[in-house]
Amino acid sequence: MIRTIEQVLVDLVTGDSAGLALIDRKVEFELAVACQCLEMAGNDIDYVWLGEDLGTQHSPLIGLDLFREHIRP
């Protein structure tokens, strides 16, 4: 682990360029892995589930504005 969840949340709030770059690299890596898996499986996939957790049972970890700015794009 390069950064803790606390560090990542601070990066999102402060707009730290190094932290945001790590988030972007993580997204690129995960997309590349997903693409390879889909290519290997061909047409034999019925269902895909990604287990990301962006909140608690009571609320999201970040506000909607931060989500729209950094996570959704």
Protein backbone atom coordinates (compact mmCIF):
# COMPACT_ATOMS: atom_id res chain seq x y z
CA MET A 1 0.00 0.00 0.00
CA ILE A 2 1.42 3.35 -1.05
CA ARG A 3 -1.16 5.55 0.72
CA THR A 4 -3.72 4.94 3.43
CA ILE A 5 -7.39 5.70 2.87
CA GLU A 6 -6.96 8.71 5.15
CA GLN A 7 -4.18 10.05 2.90
CA VAL A 8 -6.28 9.47 -0.22
CA LEU A 9 -9.23 11.35 1.30
CA VAL A 10 -6.95 14.26 2.23
CA ASP A 11 -5.56 14.23 -1.33
CA LEU A 12 -9.09 14.53 -2.70
CA VAL A 13 -10.00 17.41 -0.40
CA THR A 14 -6.75 19.34 -0.88
CA GLY A 15 -6.33 18.52 -4.56
CA ASP A 16 -2.80 17.21 -3.96
CA SER A 17 -1.42 16.57 -7.44
CA ALA A 18 0.79 13.62 -6.42
CA GLY A 19 -2.09 11.90 -4.64
CA LEU A 20 -4.49 12.53 -7.51
CA ALA A 21 -1.90 11.16 -9.95
CA LEU A 22 -1.74 7.94 -7.91
CA ILE A 23 -5.52 7.66 -8.05
CA ASP A 24 -5.39 8.10 -11.83
CA ARG A 25 -2.70 5.41 -12.14
CA LYS A 26 -4.78 3.03 -10.03
CA VAL A 27 -7.77 3.60 -12.31
CA GLU A 28 -5.64 3.01 -15.43
CA PHE A 29 -4.28 -0.22 -13.94
CA GLU A 30 -7.72 -1.54 -12.94
CA LEU A 31 -9.14 -0.72 -16.39
CA ALA A 32 -6.24 -2.51 -18.09
CA VAL A 33 -6.78 -5.61 -15.94
CA ALA A 34 -10.53 -5.55 -16.65
CA CYS A 35 -9.91 -5.22 -20.40
CA GLN A 36 -7.49 -8.17 -20.37
CA CYS A 37 -10.00 -10.30 -18.47
CA LEU A 38 -12.76 -9.42 -20.91
CA GLU A 39 -10.53 -10.20 -23.89
CA MET A 40 -9.53 -13.56 -22.42
CA ALA A 41 -13.14 -14.52 -21.69
CA GLY A 42 -14.48 -13.51 -25.08
CA ASN A 43 -18.26 -13.83 -25.21
CA ASP A 44 -18.44 -16.16 -22.21
CA ILE A 45 -19.19 -13.46 -19.60
CA ASP A 46 -22.67 -13.20 -18.14
CA TYR A 47 -21.97 -10.95 -15.16
CA VAL A 48 -19.22 -8.66 -13.84
CA TRP A 49 -19.06 -7.36 -10.27
CA LEU A 50 -16.55 -4.82 -9.04
CA GLY A 51 -16.30 -4.58 -5.27
CA GLU A 52 -15.44 -0.97 -4.56
CA ASP A 53 -16.63 0.64 -1.36
CA LEU A 54 -17.21 4.39 -1.50
CA GLY A 55 -19.12 4.75 1.74
CA THR A 56 -20.38 3.41 5.02
CA GLN A 57 -23.79 2.00 5.89
CA HIS A 58 -24.92 5.53 6.74
CA SER A 59 -23.24 7.87 4.28
CA PRO A 60 -20.63 8.19 1.53
CA LEU A 61 -16.98 8.74 2.47
CA ILE A 62 -16.77 11.91 0.36
CA GLY A 63 -19.18 14.61 -0.66
CA LEU A 64 -20.99 14.61 -3.96
CA ASP A 65 -18.93 17.51 -5.33
CA LEU A 66 -15.63 15.68 -4.71
CA PHE A 67 -17.09 12.50 -6.18
CA ARG A 68 -18.19 14.30 -9.34
CA GLU A 69 -14.86 16.10 -9.66
CA HIS A 70 -12.42 13.25 -9.02
CA ILE A 71 -14.12 9.84 -9.07
CA ARG A 72 -16.87 9.90 -11.67
CA PRO A 73 -14.89 11.24 -14.67
